[in-house]
C-alpha atoms as a PDB file:
ATOM      1  CA  MET A   1     -10.354  29.942 -30.038  1.00  0.00           C
ATOM      2  CA  SER A   2      -9.098  31.334 -33.502  1.00  0.00           C
ATOM      3  CA  THR A   3      -9.699  30.384 -37.083  1.00  0.00           C
ATOM      4  CA  ASP A   4      -7.083  32.760 -38.544  1.00  0.00           C
ATOM      5  CA  GLU A   5      -3.451  32.458 -38.851  1.00  0.00           C
ATOM      6  CA  GLU A   6      -2.776  33.097 -35.304  1.00  0.00           C
ATOM      7  CA  GLY A   7      -1.433  29.967 -33.215  1.00  0.00           C
ATOM      8  CA  ILE A   8      -1.045  26.518 -34.185  1.00  0.00           C
ATOM      9  CA  ARG A   9      -3.689  24.145 -35.910  1.00  0.00           C
ATOM     10  CA  LEU A  10      -5.683  22.246 -33.368  1.00  0.00           C
ATOM     11  CA  GLN A  11      -5.150  18.847 -34.926  1.00  0.00           C
ATOM     12  CA  LYS A  12      -1.554  19.434 -35.076  1.00  0.00           C
ATOM     13  CA  VAL A  13      -1.534  20.280 -31.091  1.00  0.00           C
ATOM     14  CA  LEU A  14      -3.500  17.360 -30.562  1.00  0.00           C
ATOM     15  CA  ALA A  15      -1.193  14.895 -32.373  1.00  0.00           C
ATOM     16  CA  SER A  16       1.793  16.366 -30.616  1.00  0.00           C
ATOM     17  CA  ALA A  17       0.016  15.798 -27.287  1.00  0.00           C
ATOM     18  CA  GLY A  18      -0.411  11.957 -28.316  1.00  0.00           C
ATOM     19  CA  VAL A  19      -3.958  11.988 -28.778  1.00  0.00           C
ATOM     20  CA  GLY A  20      -3.793  10.485 -32.202  1.00  0.00           C
ATOM     21  CA  SER A  21      -2.644  11.109 -35.694  1.00  0.00           C
ATOM     22  CA  ARG A  22      -3.696  14.415 -37.184  1.00  0.00           C
ATOM     23  CA  ARG A  23      -6.248  12.653 -39.469  1.00  0.00           C
ATOM     24  CA  ALA A  24      -7.624  10.971 -36.299  1.00  0.00           C
ATOM     25  CA  SER A  25      -7.614  14.360 -34.378  1.00  0.00           C
ATOM     26  CA  GLU A  26      -9.496  15.984 -37.255  1.00  0.00           C
ATOM     27  CA  GLN A  27     -12.030  13.275 -36.781  1.00  0.00           C
ATOM     28  CA  LEU A  28     -12.561  13.946 -33.352  1.00  0.00           C
ATOM     29  CA  ILE A  29     -12.982  17.767 -34.144  1.00  0.00           C
ATOM     30  CA  ALA A  30     -15.345  17.073 -36.892  1.00  0.00           C
ATOM     31  CA  GLU A  31     -17.349  14.530 -34.245  1.00  0.00           C
ATOM     32  CA  GLY A  32     -17.549  17.569 -31.777  1.00  0.00           C
ATOM     33  CA  ARG A  33     -15.713  15.686 -29.033  1.00  0.00           C
ATOM     34  CA  VAL A  34     -13.031  18.546 -28.664  1.00  0.00           C
ATOM     35  CA  SER A  35     -13.409  21.830 -26.891  1.00  0.00           C
ATOM     36  CA  ILE A  36     -11.174  24.816 -26.668  1.00  0.00           C
ATOM     37  CA  ASP A  37     -11.851  27.004 -23.489  1.00  0.00           C
ATOM     38  CA  GLY A  38     -15.232  25.461 -23.240  1.00  0.00           C
ATOM     39  CA  GLN A  39     -16.602  25.972 -26.733  1.00  0.00           C
ATOM     40  CA  THR A  40     -16.783  23.021 -29.130  1.00  0.00           C
ATOM     41  CA  ALA A  41     -13.899  23.109 -31.557  1.00  0.00           C
ATOM     42  CA  GLU A  42     -14.359  23.680 -35.350  1.00  0.00           C
ATOM     43  CA  LEU A  43     -12.159  22.493 -38.070  1.00  0.00           C
ATOM     44  CA  GLY A  44      -9.371  24.853 -39.025  1.00  0.00           C
ATOM     45  CA  ALA A  45      -9.304  26.324 -35.502  1.00  0.00           C
ATOM     46  CA  ARG A  46      -5.986  27.279 -34.063  1.00  0.00           C
ATOM     47  CA  VAL A  47      -4.756  27.581 -30.604  1.00  0.00           C
ATOM     48  CA  ASP A  48      -1.933  28.743 -28.350  1.00  0.00           C
ATOM     49  CA  PRO A  49      -0.726  25.801 -26.669  1.00  0.00           C
ATOM     50  CA  GLN A  50       0.484  28.020 -23.472  1.00  0.00           C
ATOM     51  CA  LEU A  51      -2.927  29.516 -22.830  1.00  0.00           C
ATOM     52  CA  SER A  52      -5.670  27.476 -24.367  1.00  0.00           C
ATOM     53  CA  ILE A  53      -7.717  24.663 -22.357  1.00  0.00           C
ATOM     54  CA  VAL A  54      -8.316  21.769 -24.645  1.00  0.00           C
ATOM     55  CA  ARG A  55     -10.582  18.718 -23.693  1.00  0.00           C
ATOM     56  CA  VAL A  56     -11.204  15.772 -25.566  1.00  0.00           C
ATOM     57  CA  ASP A  57     -14.484  13.929 -24.518  1.00  0.00           C
ATOM     58  CA  GLY A  58     -14.577  16.378 -21.632  1.00  0.00           C
ATOM     59  CA  LYS A  59     -11.027  15.257 -20.501  1.00  0.00           C
ATOM     60  CA  ARG A  60      -8.322  17.827 -20.451  1.00  0.00           C
ATOM     61  CA  ILE A  61      -5.168  17.521 -22.795  1.00  0.00           C
ATOM     62  CA  ASN A  62      -1.830  18.676 -21.732  1.00  0.00           C
ATOM     63  CA  LEU A  63      -0.703  20.693 -24.714  1.00  0.00           C
ATOM     64  CA  ARG A  64       2.478  22.285 -23.163  1.00  0.00           C
ATOM     65  CA  ALA A  65       5.729  20.488 -23.796  1.00  0.00           C
ATOM     66  CA  ASP A  66       7.410  22.553 -21.290  1.00  0.00           C
ATOM     67  CA  LEU A  67       5.623  21.097 -18.485  1.00  0.00           C
ATOM     68  CA  VAL A  68       6.606  17.792 -16.988  1.00  0.00           C
ATOM     69  CA  TYR A  69       4.986  15.254 -14.616  1.00  0.00           C
ATOM     70  CA  LEU A  70       6.856  12.200 -13.671  1.00  0.00           C
ATOM     71  CA  ALA A  71       6.398   9.385 -11.191  1.00  0.00           C
ATOM     72  CA  LEU A  72       9.330   8.396  -9.015  1.00  0.00           C
ATOM     73  CA  ASN A  73       9.631   5.000  -7.075  1.00  0.00           C
ATOM     74  CA  LYS A  74      11.335   6.755  -4.074  1.00  0.00           C
ATOM     75  CA  PRO A  75      13.563   4.115  -2.423  1.00  0.00           C
ATOM     76  CA  ARG A  76      13.676   3.561   1.529  1.00  0.00           C
ATOM     77  CA  GLY A  77      16.336   5.941   2.885  1.00  0.00           C
ATOM     78  CA  VAL A  78      16.019   8.780   0.248  1.00  0.00           C
ATOM     79  CA  LEU A  79      14.995  12.199   1.401  1.00  0.00           C
ATOM     80  CA  THR A  80      12.171  13.903  -0.026  1.00  0.00           C
ATOM     81  CA  ALA A  81      14.078  16.968  -0.845  1.00  0.00           C
ATOM     82  CA  MET A  82      15.670  18.265  -4.064  1.00  0.00           C
ATOM     83  CA  THR A  83      18.820  19.082  -2.410  1.00  0.00           C
ATOM     84  CA  ASP A  84      20.661  18.231   0.867  1.00  0.00           C
ATOM     85  CA  PRO A  85      23.495  20.428   2.380  1.00  0.00           C
ATOM     86  CA  GLN A  86      24.724  17.352   4.093  1.00  0.00           C
ATOM     87  CA  GLY A  87      25.059  15.326   1.061  1.00  0.00           C
ATOM     88  CA  ARG A  88      22.577  12.442   1.854  1.00  0.00           C
ATOM     89  CA  PRO A  89      20.611  10.862  -0.671  1.00  0.00           C
ATOM     90  CA  ASN A  90      17.704  12.941  -1.788  1.00  0.00           C
ATOM     91  CA  VAL A  91      14.906  12.984  -4.751  1.00  0.00           C
ATOM     92  CA  GLY A  92      16.807  15.514  -6.549  1.00  0.00           C
ATOM     93  CA  ASP A  93      19.430  12.823  -7.096  1.00  0.00           C
ATOM     94  CA  TYR A  94      17.252  11.092  -9.543  1.00  0.00           C
ATOM     95  CA  VAL A  95      16.226  13.982 -11.632  1.00  0.00           C
ATOM     96  CA  ALA A  96      19.695  15.862 -11.833  1.00  0.00           C
ATOM     97  CA  ASP A  97      20.015  15.086 -15.548  1.00  0.00           C
ATOM     98  CA  GLN A  98      16.367  16.782 -16.420  1.00  0.00           C
ATOM     99  CA  PRO A  99      16.768  20.195 -17.826  1.00  0.00           C
ATOM    100  CA  GLU A 100      13.616  21.476 -16.124  1.00  0.00           C
ATOM    101  CA  ARG A 101      13.764  22.686 -12.537  1.00  0.00           C
ATOM    102  CA  LEU A 102      11.262  20.163 -10.922  1.00  0.00           C
ATOM    103  CA  PHE A 103       9.939  19.742  -7.274  1.00  0.00           C
ATOM    104  CA  HIS A 104       8.029  17.099  -5.431  1.00  0.00           C
ATOM    105  CA  VAL A 105       4.292  17.117  -4.752  1.00  0.00           C
ATOM    106  CA  GLY A 106       3.918  16.463  -1.086  1.00  0.00           C
ATOM    107  CA  ARG A 107       6.560  14.225   0.415  1.00  0.00           C
ATOM    108  CA  LEU A 108       7.319  10.982   2.068  1.00  0.00           C
ATOM    109  CA  ASP A 109       9.274  10.479   4.987  1.00  0.00           C
ATOM    110  CA  ALA A 110      12.765   8.917   4.521  1.00  0.00           C
ATOM    111  CA  ASP A 111      11.712   5.374   5.595  1.00  0.00           C
ATOM    112  CA  THR A 112       8.626   5.186   3.611  1.00  0.00           C
ATOM    113  CA  GLU A 113       9.103   4.047  -0.215  1.00  0.00           C
ATOM    114  CA  GLY A 114       6.946   4.437  -3.110  1.00  0.00           C
ATOM    115  CA  LEU A 115       5.156   6.743  -5.514  1.00  0.00           C
ATOM    116  CA  LEU A 116       6.204  10.448  -5.553  1.00  0.00           C
ATOM    117  CA  ILE A 117       5.121  12.919  -8.279  1.00  0.00           C
ATOM    118  CA  LEU A 118       7.547  15.437  -9.621  1.00  0.00           C
ATOM    119  CA  THR A 119       6.582  18.300 -11.714  1.00  0.00           C
ATOM    120  CA  ASN A 120       7.302  21.912 -12.812  1.00  0.00           C
ATOM    121  CA  ASP A 121       3.725  22.806 -12.870  1.00  0.00           C
ATOM    122  CA  GLY A 122       3.170  24.992  -9.746  1.00  0.00           C
ATOM    123  CA  ASP A 123      -0.409  25.295  -9.869  1.00  0.00           C
ATOM    124  CA  PHE A 124      -1.010  21.661 -10.436  1.00  0.00           C
ATOM    125  CA  ALA A 125       1.294  20.784  -7.505  1.00  0.00           C
ATOM    126  CA  HIS A 126      -0.411  23.104  -5.274  1.00  0.00           C
ATOM    127  CA  ARG A 127      -3.772  21.818  -6.035  1.00  0.00           C
ATOM    128  CA  LEU A 128      -2.771  18.045  -5.711  1.00  0.00           C
ATOM    129  CA  ALA A 129      -1.050  18.761  -2.523  1.00  0.00           C
ATOM    130  CA  HIS A 130      -3.782  20.554  -0.882  1.00  0.00           C
ATOM    131  CA  PRO A 131      -6.164  18.291   1.061  1.00  0.00           C
ATOM    132  CA  SER A 132      -9.432  20.267  -0.104  1.00  0.00           C
ATOM    133  CA  HIS A 133      -9.441  18.396  -3.403  1.00  0.00           C
ATOM    134  CA  GLU A 134      -9.341  15.024  -1.669  1.00  0.00           C
ATOM    135  CA  VAL A 135      -7.087  13.058  -4.062  1.00  0.00           C
ATOM    136  CA  ALA A 136      -6.809   9.663  -2.185  1.00  0.00           C
ATOM    137  CA  LYS A 137      -3.485   8.326  -1.477  1.00  0.00           C
ATOM    138  CA  THR A 138      -3.159   4.708  -1.132  1.00  0.00           C
ATOM    139  CA  TYR A 139      -0.385   2.760   1.093  1.00  0.00           C
ATOM    140  CA  VAL A 140       0.561  -0.844   1.650  1.00  0.00           C
ATOM    141  CA  ALA A 141       1.957  -1.284   5.109  1.00  0.00           C
ATOM    142  CA  GLN A 142       3.595  -4.194   6.715  1.00  0.00           C
ATOM    143  CA  VAL A 143       2.581  -4.408  10.449  1.00  0.00           C
ATOM    144  CA  PRO A 144       2.693  -6.733  13.572  1.00  0.00           C
ATOM    145  CA  GLY A 145      -0.182  -9.305  13.224  1.00  0.00           C
ATOM    146  CA  PRO A 146      -2.781 -10.658  13.478  1.00  0.00           C
ATOM    147  CA  VAL A 147      -5.011  -7.840  12.540  1.00  0.00           C
ATOM    148  CA  ASP A 148      -8.483  -7.830  13.884  1.00  0.00           C
ATOM    149  CA  PRO A 149     -11.130  -7.738  10.869  1.00  0.00           C
ATOM    150  CA  ARG A 150     -12.812  -5.000  12.645  1.00  0.00           C
ATOM    151  CA  LEU A 151      -9.894  -2.418  12.569  1.00  0.00           C
ATOM    152  CA  GLY A 152     -11.134  -1.203   9.326  1.00  0.00           C
ATOM    153  CA  GLN A 153     -14.410   0.273  10.695  1.00  0.00           C
ATOM    154  CA  ARG A 154     -12.574   1.643  13.690  1.00  0.00           C
ATOM    155  CA  LEU A 155     -10.120   3.386  11.139  1.00  0.00           C
ATOM    156  CA  ARG A 156     -12.920   4.648   8.909  1.00  0.00           C
ATOM    157  CA  GLU A 157     -14.875   6.171  11.863  1.00  0.00           C
ATOM    158  CA  GLY A 158     -11.764   8.024  13.058  1.00  0.00           C
ATOM    159  CA  VAL A 159      -8.874   7.928  15.787  1.00  0.00           C
ATOM    160  CA  GLU A 160      -7.863  10.657  18.043  1.00  0.00           C
ATOM    161  CA  LEU A 161      -4.461  11.485  17.340  1.00  0.00           C
ATOM    162  CA  GLU A 162      -2.312  14.224  19.110  1.00  0.00           C
ATOM    163  CA  ASP A 163      -3.128  17.017  16.388  1.00  0.00           C
ATOM    164  CA  GLY A 164      -6.705  15.908  16.014  1.00  0.00           C
ATOM    165  CA  PRO A 165      -8.749  13.034  14.921  1.00  0.00           C
ATOM    166  CA  ALA A 166      -8.100  11.324  11.719  1.00  0.00           C
ATOM    167  CA  ALA A 167      -9.641   8.672   9.505  1.00  0.00           C
ATOM    168  CA  VAL A 168      -9.119   6.606   6.463  1.00  0.00           C
ATOM    169  CA  ASP A 169     -11.221   6.452   3.271  1.00  0.00           C
ATOM    170  CA  SER A 170     -10.736   2.647   3.052  1.00  0.00           C
ATOM    171  CA  PHE A 171      -8.894  -0.079   4.714  1.00  0.00           C
ATOM    172  CA  ARG A 172      -8.465  -3.862   3.762  1.00  0.00           C
ATOM    173  CA  ILE A 173      -6.151  -6.644   5.263  1.00  0.00           C
ATOM    174  CA  ILE A 174      -4.133  -8.038   2.178  1.00  0.00           C
ATOM    175  CA  ASP A 175      -2.637 -10.721   4.287  1.00  0.00           C
ATOM    176  CA  SER A 176      -2.745 -11.754   8.068  1.00  0.00           C
ATOM    177  CA  SER A 177      -0.843 -14.746   9.119  1.00  0.00           C
ATOM    178  CA  GLY A 178       1.282 -15.288  12.199  1.00  0.00           C
ATOM    179  CA  ASP A 179       2.934 -12.337  13.701  1.00  0.00           C
ATOM    180  CA  ARG A 180       3.156 -10.137  10.374  1.00  0.00           C
ATOM    181  CA  ALA A 181       0.501  -8.797   8.044  1.00  0.00           C
ATOM    182  CA  LEU A 182       0.060  -6.635   5.091  1.00  0.00           C
ATOM    183  CA  VAL A 183      -2.664  -3.913   5.220  1.00  0.00           C
ATOM    184  CA  GLU A 184      -3.754  -1.242   2.511  1.00  0.00           C
ATOM    185  CA  VAL A 185      -4.663   2.073   3.803  1.00  0.00           C
ATOM    186  CA  SER A 186      -6.368   4.746   1.406  1.00  0.00           C
ATOM    187  CA  LEU A 187      -6.826   8.400   2.733  1.00  0.00           C
ATOM    188  CA  HIS A 188      -6.724  11.946   1.366  1.00  0.00           C
ATOM    189  CA  SER A 189      -5.068  13.686   4.559  1.00  0.00           C
ATOM    190  CA  GLY A 190      -1.650  15.036   3.940  1.00  0.00           C
ATOM    191  CA  ARG A 191      -0.577  15.376   7.625  1.00  0.00           C
ATOM    192  CA  ASN A 192       2.781  14.473   8.619  1.00  0.00           C
ATOM    193  CA  ARG A 193       3.199  10.863   9.056  1.00  0.00           C
ATOM    194  CA  ILE A 194      -0.363  10.250   9.333  1.00  0.00           C
ATOM    195  CA  VAL A 195      -0.318   6.615   8.324  1.00  0.00           C
ATOM    196  CA  ARG A 196       2.209   5.642  10.418  1.00  0.00           C
ATOM    197  CA  ARG A 197       0.656   7.488  13.397  1.00  0.00           C
ATOM    198  CA  LEU A 198      -2.578   6.094  12.905  1.00  0.00           C
ATOM    199  CA  LEU A 199      -1.489   2.378  12.640  1.00  0.00           C
ATOM    200  CA  GLU A 200       0.789   2.850  15.730  1.00  0.00           C
ATOM    201  CA  GLU A 201      -2.215   4.330  17.783  1.00  0.00           C
ATOM    202  CA  VAL A 202      -4.327   1.232  17.113  1.00  0.00           C
ATOM    203  CA  GLY A 203      -1.715  -1.173  18.087  1.00  0.00           C
ATOM    204  CA  HIS A 204      -0.042  -1.969  14.773  1.00  0.00           C
ATOM    205  CA  PRO A 205       3.123   0.124  14.342  1.00  0.00           C
ATOM    206  CA  VAL A 206       4.608   0.084  10.910  1.00  0.00           C
ATOM    207  CA  ILE A 207       7.529  -1.970   9.922  1.00  0.00           C
ATOM    208  CA  ARG A 208       7.462  -1.218   6.326  1.00  0.00           C
ATOM    209  CA  LEU A 209       5.409   1.339   4.377  1.00  0.00           C
ATOM    210  CA  VAL A 210       5.006   1.888   0.676  1.00  0.00           C
ATOM    211  CA  ARG A 211       2.871   4.255  -1.190  1.00  0.00           C
ATOM    212  CA  VAL A 212       1.231   2.462  -4.194  1.00  0.00           C
ATOM    213  CA  ALA A 213      -1.009   5.231  -5.494  1.00  0.00           C
ATOM    214  CA  VAL A 214      -1.903   8.887  -5.781  1.00  0.00           C
ATOM    215  CA  GLY A 215      -5.303   9.245  -7.238  1.00  0.00           C
ATOM    216  CA  PRO A 216      -5.387   7.339 -10.647  1.00  0.00           C
ATOM    217  CA  VAL A 217      -1.491   7.096 -10.788  1.00  0.00           C
ATOM    218  CA  ARG A 218      -0.488   3.614  -9.466  1.00  0.00           C
ATOM    219  CA  LEU A 219       3.183   2.417  -8.739  1.00  0.00           C
ATOM    220  CA  GLY A 220       2.459  -0.897 -10.380  1.00  0.00           C
ATOM    221  CA  ASP A 221       5.635  -2.819 -10.974  1.00  0.00           C
ATOM    222  CA  GLN A 222       7.822   0.158 -11.536  1.00  0.00           C
ATOM    223  CA  ARG A 223      11.179  -0.506  -9.865  1.00  0.00           C
ATOM    224  CA  PRO A 224      12.521   1.558  -6.921  1.00  0.00           C
ATOM    225  CA  GLY A 225      14.678   4.237  -8.175  1.00  0.00           C
ATOM    226  CA  THR A 226      13.071   4.736 -11.574  1.00  0.00           C
ATOM    227  CA  LEU A 227      11.097   7.544 -13.346  1.00  0.00           C
ATOM    228  CA  ARG A 228       8.283   7.301 -15.646  1.00  0.00           C
ATOM    229  CA  GLY A 229       6.195  10.095 -17.373  1.00  0.00           C
ATOM    230  CA  LEU A 230       2.430  10.286 -16.289  1.00  0.00           C
ATOM    231  CA  THR A 231       0.304   8.847 -18.805  1.00  0.00           C
ATOM    232  CA  GLY A 232      -2.223  11.173 -20.748  1.00  0.00           C
ATOM    233  CA  SER A 233      -5.059   9.463 -19.101  1.00  0.00           C
ATOM    234  CA  GLU A 234      -3.549   9.711 -15.688  1.00  0.00           C
ATOM    235  CA  LEU A 235      -2.943  13.334 -16.085  1.00  0.00           C
ATOM    236  CA  SER A 236      -6.455  13.978 -17.562  1.00  0.00           C
ATOM    237  CA  GLU A 237      -8.057  12.510 -14.432  1.00  0.00           C
ATOM    238  CA  LEU A 238      -5.689  14.347 -11.889  1.00  0.00           C
ATOM    239  CA  TYR A 239      -6.729  17.471 -13.800  1.00  0.00           C
ATOM    240  CA  ARG A 240     -10.401  16.760 -13.293  1.00  0.00           C
ATOM    241  CA  LEU A 241      -9.725  15.711  -9.542  1.00  0.00           C
ATOM    242  CA  ILE A 242      -8.080  18.960  -8.565  1.00  0.00           C
ATOM    243  CA  GLY A 243     -10.411  21.385 -10.697  1.00  0.00           C
ATOM    244  CA  LEU A 244      -7.904  22.069 -13.639  1.00  0.00           C
END
């Protein structure tokens, strides 16, 4: 933190980051709600957006315009890859016009639809993908029904798979009627095809699978094949979950 002529005025940086107008940002600073690198900011402070860590009400704010964080609703049949030598549809097709060199955080198999985060922030991507940070991923699966109401307890306690035991964080039946059911599964494991393998092991092989959330980021009504930027609140919460 600096109050000399080096860097950019804090209120200007906050306004550019979408926190509020310069006047509103000055008010936040005056109220002691803004910190720079762990210290309460003062009016007149200047920062280096490339290096400084700024928080408002304890939530980290992204100051860097060169860092991009996008949510893609990946359609079924699209490979989680930025290129494909065989010319098959892949995630890279959806960001071909982006000037930044983006990469996907984690992966979804070709038959799985839904939320995939794309970024050019390597540290962020590494932390978010690492299971040690336990960022929950939520899926909705269509499976053969009916589903036993006790299945959730079994999945929470853990199921033995070929590569070791696996368990879900939460499970609920959305709808179960006749020979089809919809279930919601939340877990933080990043193992390959883990949801499909878990449900198949307990007698409900997946017919259709959609990832609907990664931590605080939800798919909502975002259409397949479309992109959107993560909101400031989504990004701040992800920063918190992964220790940034």
